[in-house]
Amino acid sequence: MSRNTATAARASKSAPRRYSSGQASQQQIIAAAESVLKRDGYHAFTTRRVAEQCGISVGNLTYYFPTKVTLIEALMDAVFGRYERFAEEIRSRKGVDGNTRVEAIVNWLLRDAVTPDTASLFLELWVMAKHHAFGADALTNFYDRGVHAIATTLGEEYRELSELELLRIGRFLLTLSEGCTAVFGRVGDEDAAHEEVVSMAVSIIESMVGREPRR
């Protein structure tokens, strides 16, 4: 998908939705919150804007999410849920598309990190974490859960690794993922350099694993 096509798709996704009943589900509100955060930025993120995006009243929104804090926490849970579902997909098979679990996890995380949607979302979450304690706590919790999800996914295949070794790999991989967002997750032609980083990451983490997966 070209960058122009991706931009048009994001614009279409971020258009306000109208619900004839004036009601929206929690999932629809969370999706609207994510759209507003990525489009307008954290400093312009308000429950009123999210309600407008959903085509509902602020009162309807606050019935489910009384404060911006509770809405952000729900958004973080939803984002993590997407990562968790992919981890479950990897655990349910011997890798993805013929790859080992290391290759599957590294390829997905580091490529997802530079997509326009993911990059714009996490750049705003970093801003939120810098200015608000609740934002820092939410992001720290997100990363902790991510590290443990990676450790669990790899641990089921590389059973001889200790919990400490698995957690170290998880932290290292998340560090690479966030670094890719910062370095490559913006407009520019860095595809070749990013692919080189992905390839290096697979090699490094395979060396950290240090052995073939147990069959």
C-alpha atoms as a PDB file:
ATOM      1  CA  MET A   1       0.000   0.000   0.000  1.00  0.00           C
ATOM      2  CA  SER A   2       1.411   3.403  -0.963  1.00  0.00           C
ATOM      3  CA  ARG A   3       1.725   6.182   1.610  1.00  0.00           C
ATOM      4  CA  ASN A   4      -0.951   8.212  -0.225  1.00  0.00           C
ATOM      5  CA  THR A   5      -3.315   5.258  -0.199  1.00  0.00           C
ATOM      6  CA  ALA A   6      -2.609   4.688   3.498  1.00  0.00           C
ATOM      7  CA  THR A   7      -3.263   8.363   4.226  1.00  0.00           C
ATOM      8  CA  ALA A   8      -6.586   8.255   2.408  1.00  0.00           C
ATOM      9  CA  ALA A   9      -7.566   5.100   4.271  1.00  0.00           C
ATOM     10  CA  ARG A  10      -6.746   6.711   7.622  1.00  0.00           C
ATOM     11  CA  ALA A  11      -8.780   9.797   6.708  1.00  0.00           C
ATOM     12  CA  SER A  12     -11.740   7.597   5.869  1.00  0.00           C
ATOM     13  CA  LYS A  13     -11.404   5.709   9.162  1.00  0.00           C
ATOM     14  CA  SER A  14     -11.201   8.937  11.173  1.00  0.00           C
ATOM     15  CA  ALA A  15     -14.404  10.450   9.754  1.00  0.00           C
ATOM     16  CA  PRO A  16     -17.091  10.927  12.446  1.00  0.00           C
ATOM     17  CA  ARG A  17     -19.566   8.084  12.801  1.00  0.00           C
ATOM     18  CA  ARG A  18     -23.239   8.768  13.417  1.00  0.00           C
ATOM     19  CA  TYR A  19     -25.483   6.349  15.288  1.00  0.00           C
ATOM     20  CA  SER A  20     -29.213   6.789  14.748  1.00  0.00           C
ATOM     21  CA  SER A  21     -30.043   5.950  18.342  1.00  0.00           C
ATOM     22  CA  GLY A  22     -27.496   8.407  19.720  1.00  0.00           C
ATOM     23  CA  GLN A  23     -25.888   5.430  21.431  1.00  0.00           C
ATOM     24  CA  ALA A  24     -22.540   3.771  20.874  1.00  0.00           C
ATOM     25  CA  SER A  25     -20.986   0.667  22.341  1.00  0.00           C
ATOM     26  CA  GLN A  26     -17.868   0.799  24.494  1.00  0.00           C
ATOM     27  CA  GLN A  27     -15.879  -0.709  21.621  1.00  0.00           C
ATOM     28  CA  GLN A  28     -17.093   2.000  19.227  1.00  0.00           C
ATOM     29  CA  ILE A  29     -16.155   4.709  21.723  1.00  0.00           C
ATOM     30  CA  ILE A  30     -12.682   3.228  22.181  1.00  0.00           C
ATOM     31  CA  ALA A  31     -12.203   3.046  18.402  1.00  0.00           C
ATOM     32  CA  ALA A  32     -13.256   6.695  18.135  1.00  0.00           C
ATOM     33  CA  ALA A  33     -10.847   7.641  20.921  1.00  0.00           C
ATOM     34  CA  GLU A  34      -7.980   5.999  19.067  1.00  0.00           C
ATOM     35  CA  SER A  35      -8.895   7.843  15.860  1.00  0.00           C
ATOM     36  CA  VAL A  36      -9.018  11.196  17.645  1.00  0.00           C
ATOM     37  CA  LEU A  37      -5.735  10.597  19.452  1.00  0.00           C
ATOM     38  CA  LYS A  38      -3.888   9.691  16.245  1.00  0.00           C
ATOM     39  CA  ARG A  39      -5.468  12.463  14.173  1.00  0.00           C
ATOM     40  CA  ASP A  40      -5.541  15.404  16.602  1.00  0.00           C
ATOM     41  CA  GLY A  41      -2.803  14.548  19.081  1.00  0.00           C
ATOM     42  CA  TYR A  42      -2.912  14.103  22.831  1.00  0.00           C
ATOM     43  CA  HIS A  43      -3.009  17.818  23.723  1.00  0.00           C
ATOM     44  CA  ALA A  44      -6.201  18.181  21.658  1.00  0.00           C
ATOM     45  CA  PHE A  45      -7.682  14.905  22.924  1.00  0.00           C
ATOM     46  CA  THR A  46     -10.906  15.518  24.863  1.00  0.00           C
ATOM     47  CA  THR A  47     -13.965  13.456  25.710  1.00  0.00           C
ATOM     48  CA  ARG A  48     -16.031  16.017  23.757  1.00  0.00           C
ATOM     49  CA  ARG A  49     -14.046  15.371  20.583  1.00  0.00           C
ATOM     50  CA  VAL A  50     -14.370  11.635  21.046  1.00  0.00           C
ATOM     51  CA  ALA A  51     -18.126  11.998  21.541  1.00  0.00           C
ATOM     52  CA  GLU A  52     -18.346  14.083  18.365  1.00  0.00           C
ATOM     53  CA  GLN A  53     -16.372  11.439  16.500  1.00  0.00           C
ATOM     54  CA  CYS A  54     -18.945   8.880  17.642  1.00  0.00           C
ATOM     55  CA  GLY A  55     -21.926  11.151  17.011  1.00  0.00           C
ATOM     56  CA  ILE A  56     -23.093  10.824  20.615  1.00  0.00           C
ATOM     57  CA  SER A  57     -23.476  13.138  23.583  1.00  0.00           C
ATOM     58  CA  VAL A  58     -20.716  13.634  26.131  1.00  0.00           C
ATOM     59  CA  GLY A  59     -23.137  12.262  28.730  1.00  0.00           C
ATOM     60  CA  ASN A  60     -23.478   9.014  26.810  1.00  0.00           C
ATOM     61  CA  LEU A  61     -19.699   8.703  26.622  1.00  0.00           C
ATOM     62  CA  THR A  62     -19.128   9.439  30.304  1.00  0.00           C
ATOM     63  CA  TYR A  63     -21.727   6.829  31.245  1.00  0.00           C
ATOM     64  CA  TYR A  64     -19.122   4.253  30.134  1.00  0.00           C
ATOM     65  CA  PHE A  65     -15.954   6.267  30.749  1.00  0.00           C
ATOM     66  CA  PRO A  66     -16.414   8.897  33.497  1.00  0.00           C
ATOM     67  CA  THR A  67     -13.007  10.515  32.911  1.00  0.00           C
ATOM     68  CA  LYS A  68     -10.376  10.874  30.227  1.00  0.00           C
ATOM     69  CA  VAL A  69      -8.150   8.659  32.374  1.00  0.00           C
ATOM     70  CA  THR A  70     -10.578   5.732  32.282  1.00  0.00           C
ATOM     71  CA  LEU A  71     -10.984   6.181  28.523  1.00  0.00           C
ATOM     72  CA  ILE A  72      -7.216   6.163  27.950  1.00  0.00           C
ATOM     73  CA  GLU A  73      -6.868   3.045  30.134  1.00  0.00           C
ATOM     74  CA  ALA A  74      -9.554   1.290  28.082  1.00  0.00           C
ATOM     75  CA  LEU A  75      -7.804   2.344  24.879  1.00  0.00           C
ATOM     76  CA  MET A  76      -4.497   0.909  26.113  1.00  0.00           C
ATOM     77  CA  ASP A  77      -6.245  -2.365  26.990  1.00  0.00           C
ATOM     78  CA  ALA A  78      -7.742  -2.516  23.486  1.00  0.00           C
ATOM     79  CA  VAL A  79      -4.388  -1.855  21.811  1.00  0.00           C
ATOM     80  CA  PHE A  80      -2.687  -4.511  23.939  1.00  0.00           C
ATOM     81  CA  GLY A  81      -5.496  -6.907  23.065  1.00  0.00           C
ATOM     82  CA  ARG A  82      -4.489  -6.703  19.414  1.00  0.00           C
ATOM     83  CA  TYR A  83      -0.917  -7.663  20.275  1.00  0.00           C
ATOM     84  CA  GLU A  84      -2.139 -10.410  22.575  1.00  0.00           C
ATOM     85  CA  ARG A  85      -4.277 -11.948  19.829  1.00  0.00           C
ATOM     86  CA  PHE A  86      -1.275 -12.136  17.508  1.00  0.00           C
ATOM     87  CA  ALA A  87       0.801 -13.740  20.255  1.00  0.00           C
ATOM     88  CA  GLU A  88      -1.972 -16.333  20.659  1.00  0.00           C
ATOM     89  CA  GLU A  89      -1.883 -16.973  16.914  1.00  0.00           C
ATOM     90  CA  ILE A  90       1.853 -17.627  17.084  1.00  0.00           C
ATOM     91  CA  ARG A  91       1.444 -19.919  20.109  1.00  0.00           C
ATOM     92  CA  SER A  92      -1.243 -21.915  18.323  1.00  0.00           C
ATOM     93  CA  ARG A  93       1.100 -22.866  15.483  1.00  0.00           C
ATOM     94  CA  LYS A  94       4.744 -23.757  14.843  1.00  0.00           C
ATOM     95  CA  GLY A  95       5.471 -20.177  13.867  1.00  0.00           C
ATOM     96  CA  VAL A  96       3.763 -18.166  11.125  1.00  0.00           C
ATOM     97  CA  ASP A  97       4.165 -18.751   7.367  1.00  0.00           C
ATOM     98  CA  GLY A  98       6.888 -21.326   7.991  1.00  0.00           C
ATOM     99  CA  ASN A  99       8.965 -19.091  10.260  1.00  0.00           C
ATOM    100  CA  THR A 100      10.203 -19.898  13.755  1.00  0.00           C
ATOM    101  CA  ARG A 101       8.581 -18.110  16.677  1.00  0.00           C
ATOM    102  CA  VAL A 102      11.547 -15.766  16.896  1.00  0.00           C
ATOM    103  CA  GLU A 103      11.169 -14.810  13.241  1.00  0.00           C
ATOM    104  CA  ALA A 104       7.394 -14.487  13.546  1.00  0.00           C
ATOM    105  CA  ILE A 105       7.525 -12.230  16.619  1.00  0.00           C
ATOM    106  CA  VAL A 106      10.393 -10.046  15.397  1.00  0.00           C
ATOM    107  CA  ASN A 107       8.985  -9.616  11.900  1.00  0.00           C
ATOM    108  CA  TRP A 108       5.529  -8.702  13.105  1.00  0.00           C
ATOM    109  CA  LEU A 109       6.500  -6.371  15.949  1.00  0.00           C
ATOM    110  CA  LEU A 110       9.209  -4.450  14.093  1.00  0.00           C
ATOM    111  CA  ARG A 111       7.130  -4.097  10.925  1.00  0.00           C
ATOM    112  CA  ASP A 112       4.004  -3.112  12.830  1.00  0.00           C
ATOM    113  CA  ALA A 113       6.058  -0.508  14.717  1.00  0.00           C
ATOM    114  CA  VAL A 114       6.578   1.576  11.572  1.00  0.00           C
ATOM    115  CA  THR A 115       3.066   1.488  10.140  1.00  0.00           C
ATOM    116  CA  PRO A 116       1.435   4.945  10.081  1.00  0.00           C
ATOM    117  CA  ASP A 117      -1.316   3.922  12.516  1.00  0.00           C
ATOM    118  CA  THR A 118       1.003   2.414  15.107  1.00  0.00           C
ATOM    119  CA  ALA A 119       3.657   5.122  14.813  1.00  0.00           C
ATOM    120  CA  SER A 120       1.162   7.992  15.171  1.00  0.00           C
ATOM    121  CA  LEU A 121      -0.551   6.296  18.124  1.00  0.00           C
ATOM    122  CA  PHE A 122       2.627   5.618  20.113  1.00  0.00           C
ATOM    123  CA  LEU A 123       4.118   9.034  19.449  1.00  0.00           C
ATOM    124  CA  GLU A 124       1.037  10.509  21.156  1.00  0.00           C
ATOM    125  CA  LEU A 125       1.165   7.982  23.979  1.00  0.00           C
ATOM    126  CA  TRP A 126       4.772   9.026  24.658  1.00  0.00           C
ATOM    127  CA  VAL A 127       3.645  12.661  24.873  1.00  0.00           C
ATOM    128  CA  MET A 128       0.897  11.641  27.279  1.00  0.00           C
ATOM    129  CA  ALA A 129       3.371   9.699  29.428  1.00  0.00           C
ATOM    130  CA  LYS A 130       5.706  12.687  29.604  1.00  0.00           C
ATOM    131  CA  HIS A 131       3.072  15.106  30.890  1.00  0.00           C
ATOM    132  CA  HIS A 132       0.817  12.945  33.074  1.00  0.00           C
ATOM    133  CA  ALA A 133       1.542  10.383  35.769  1.00  0.00           C
ATOM    134  CA  PHE A 134      -1.452   8.276  34.785  1.00  0.00           C
ATOM    135  CA  GLY A 135      -0.122   8.195  31.203  1.00  0.00           C
ATOM    136  CA  ALA A 136       3.296   7.045  32.375  1.00  0.00           C
ATOM    137  CA  ASP A 137       1.680   4.359  34.543  1.00  0.00           C
ATOM    138  CA  ALA A 138      -0.533   3.165  31.677  1.00  0.00           C
ATOM    139  CA  LEU A 139       2.396   2.927  29.265  1.00  0.00           C
ATOM    140  CA  THR A 140       4.615   1.187  31.839  1.00  0.00           C
ATOM    141  CA  ASN A 141       1.875  -1.367  32.447  1.00  0.00           C
ATOM    142  CA  PHE A 142       1.502  -1.837  28.694  1.00  0.00           C
ATOM    143  CA  TYR A 143       5.210  -2.532  28.271  1.00  0.00           C
ATOM    144  CA  ASP A 144       5.300  -4.888  31.267  1.00  0.00           C
ATOM    145  CA  ARG A 145       2.450  -6.905  29.795  1.00  0.00           C
ATOM    146  CA  GLY A 146       4.204  -6.916  26.423  1.00  0.00           C
ATOM    147  CA  VAL A 147       7.461  -8.216  27.875  1.00  0.00           C
ATOM    148  CA  HIS A 148       5.645 -11.048  29.657  1.00  0.00           C
ATOM    149  CA  ALA A 149       3.625 -11.912  26.527  1.00  0.00           C
ATOM    150  CA  ILE A 150       6.833 -12.236  24.492  1.00  0.00           C
ATOM    151  CA  ALA A 151       8.462 -14.279  27.261  1.00  0.00           C
ATOM    152  CA  THR A 152       5.464 -16.618  27.443  1.00  0.00           C
ATOM    153  CA  THR A 153       5.298 -17.052  23.666  1.00  0.00           C
ATOM    154  CA  LEU A 154       9.001 -17.880  23.351  1.00  0.00           C
ATOM    155  CA  GLY A 155       9.086 -19.908  26.564  1.00  0.00           C
ATOM    156  CA  GLU A 156       6.637 -22.466  25.230  1.00  0.00           C
ATOM    157  CA  GLU A 157       9.053 -23.310  22.412  1.00  0.00           C
ATOM    158  CA  TYR A 158      12.440 -22.627  24.017  1.00  0.00           C
ATOM    159  CA  ARG A 159      11.741 -24.401  27.284  1.00  0.00           C
ATOM    160  CA  GLU A 160      15.329 -24.593  28.454  1.00  0.00           C
ATOM    161  CA  LEU A 161      15.533 -20.813  28.808  1.00  0.00           C
ATOM    162  CA  SER A 162      15.048 -19.426  32.297  1.00  0.00           C
ATOM    163  CA  GLU A 163      12.332 -16.892  33.104  1.00  0.00           C
ATOM    164  CA  LEU A 164      15.010 -14.225  33.519  1.00  0.00           C
ATOM    165  CA  GLU A 165      16.481 -14.979  30.085  1.00  0.00           C
ATOM    166  CA  LEU A 166      13.039 -14.833  28.473  1.00  0.00           C
ATOM    167  CA  LEU A 167      12.207 -11.516  30.149  1.00  0.00           C
ATOM    168  CA  ARG A 168      15.532 -10.064  28.969  1.00  0.00           C
ATOM    169  CA  ILE A 169      14.696 -11.044  25.396  1.00  0.00           C
ATOM    170  CA  GLY A 170      11.231  -9.515  25.777  1.00  0.00           C
ATOM    171  CA  ARG A 171      12.666  -6.210  27.013  1.00  0.00           C
ATOM    172  CA  PHE A 172      15.265  -6.175  24.256  1.00  0.00           C
ATOM    173  CA  LEU A 173      12.658  -6.795  21.563  1.00  0.00           C
ATOM    174  CA  LEU A 174      10.316  -4.089  22.863  1.00  0.00           C
ATOM    175  CA  THR A 175      13.250  -1.676  22.962  1.00  0.00           C
ATOM    176  CA  LEU A 176      13.941  -2.455  19.297  1.00  0.00           C
ATOM    177  CA  SER A 177      10.253  -2.030  18.466  1.00  0.00           C
ATOM    178  CA  GLU A 178      10.002   1.394  20.088  1.00  0.00           C
ATOM    179  CA  GLY A 179      13.288   2.409  18.482  1.00  0.00           C
ATOM    180  CA  CYS A 180      11.948   1.482  15.047  1.00  0.00           C
ATOM    181  CA  THR A 181       8.903   3.660  15.668  1.00  0.00           C
ATOM    182  CA  ALA A 182      11.110   6.620  16.561  1.00  0.00           C
ATOM    183  CA  VAL A 183      13.621   6.174  13.726  1.00  0.00           C
ATOM    184  CA  PHE A 184      11.534   4.768  10.876  1.00  0.00           C
ATOM    185  CA  GLY A 185       7.917   5.511  11.787  1.00  0.00           C
ATOM    186  CA  ARG A 186       7.628   8.773   9.881  1.00  0.00           C
ATOM    187  CA  VAL A 187       7.302   9.893   6.294  1.00  0.00           C
ATOM    188  CA  GLY A 188      10.428   8.991   4.367  1.00  0.00           C
ATOM    189  CA  ASP A 189      12.018   6.287   2.278  1.00  0.00           C
ATOM    190  CA  GLU A 190      13.853   4.176   4.856  1.00  0.00           C
ATOM    191  CA  ASP A 191      12.511   0.777   3.830  1.00  0.00           C
ATOM    192  CA  ALA A 192      15.895  -0.785   3.065  1.00  0.00           C
ATOM    193  CA  ALA A 193      17.459   0.409   6.316  1.00  0.00           C
ATOM    194  CA  HIS A 194      14.470  -0.826   8.316  1.00  0.00           C
ATOM    195  CA  GLU A 195      14.571  -4.241   6.667  1.00  0.00           C
ATOM    196  CA  GLU A 196      18.240  -4.471   7.576  1.00  0.00           C
ATOM    197  CA  VAL A 197      17.370  -3.772  11.222  1.00  0.00           C
ATOM    198  CA  VAL A 198      14.655  -6.454  11.156  1.00  0.00           C
ATOM    199  CA  SER A 199      17.111  -8.998   9.737  1.00  0.00           C
ATOM    200  CA  MET A 200      19.751  -8.086  12.318  1.00  0.00           C
ATOM    201  CA  ALA A 201      17.184  -8.333  15.114  1.00  0.00           C
ATOM    202  CA  VAL A 202      16.219 -11.872  14.094  1.00  0.00           C
ATOM    203  CA  SER A 203      19.893 -12.915  14.090  1.00  0.00           C
ATOM    204  CA  ILE A 204      20.619 -11.284  17.450  1.00  0.00           C
ATOM    205  CA  ILE A 205      17.596 -12.750  19.218  1.00  0.00           C
ATOM    206  CA  GLU A 206      18.252 -16.194  17.739  1.00  0.00           C
ATOM    207  CA  SER A 207      21.752 -15.944  19.201  1.00  0.00           C
ATOM    208  CA  MET A 208      20.245 -14.902  22.547  1.00  0.00           C
ATOM    209  CA  VAL A 209      18.002 -17.978  22.403  1.00  0.00           C
ATOM    210  CA  GLY A 210      21.181 -19.928  21.692  1.00  0.00           C
ATOM    211  CA  ARG A 211      19.666 -23.199  20.611  1.00  0.00           C
ATOM    212  CA  GLU A 212      17.172 -24.827  18.290  1.00  0.00           C
ATOM    213  CA  PRO A 213      13.551 -24.915  19.498  1.00  0.00           C
ATOM    214  CA  ARG A 214      12.543 -28.132  21.247  1.00  0.00           C
ATOM    215  CA  ARG A 215      10.448 -30.357  18.966  1.00  0.00           C
END
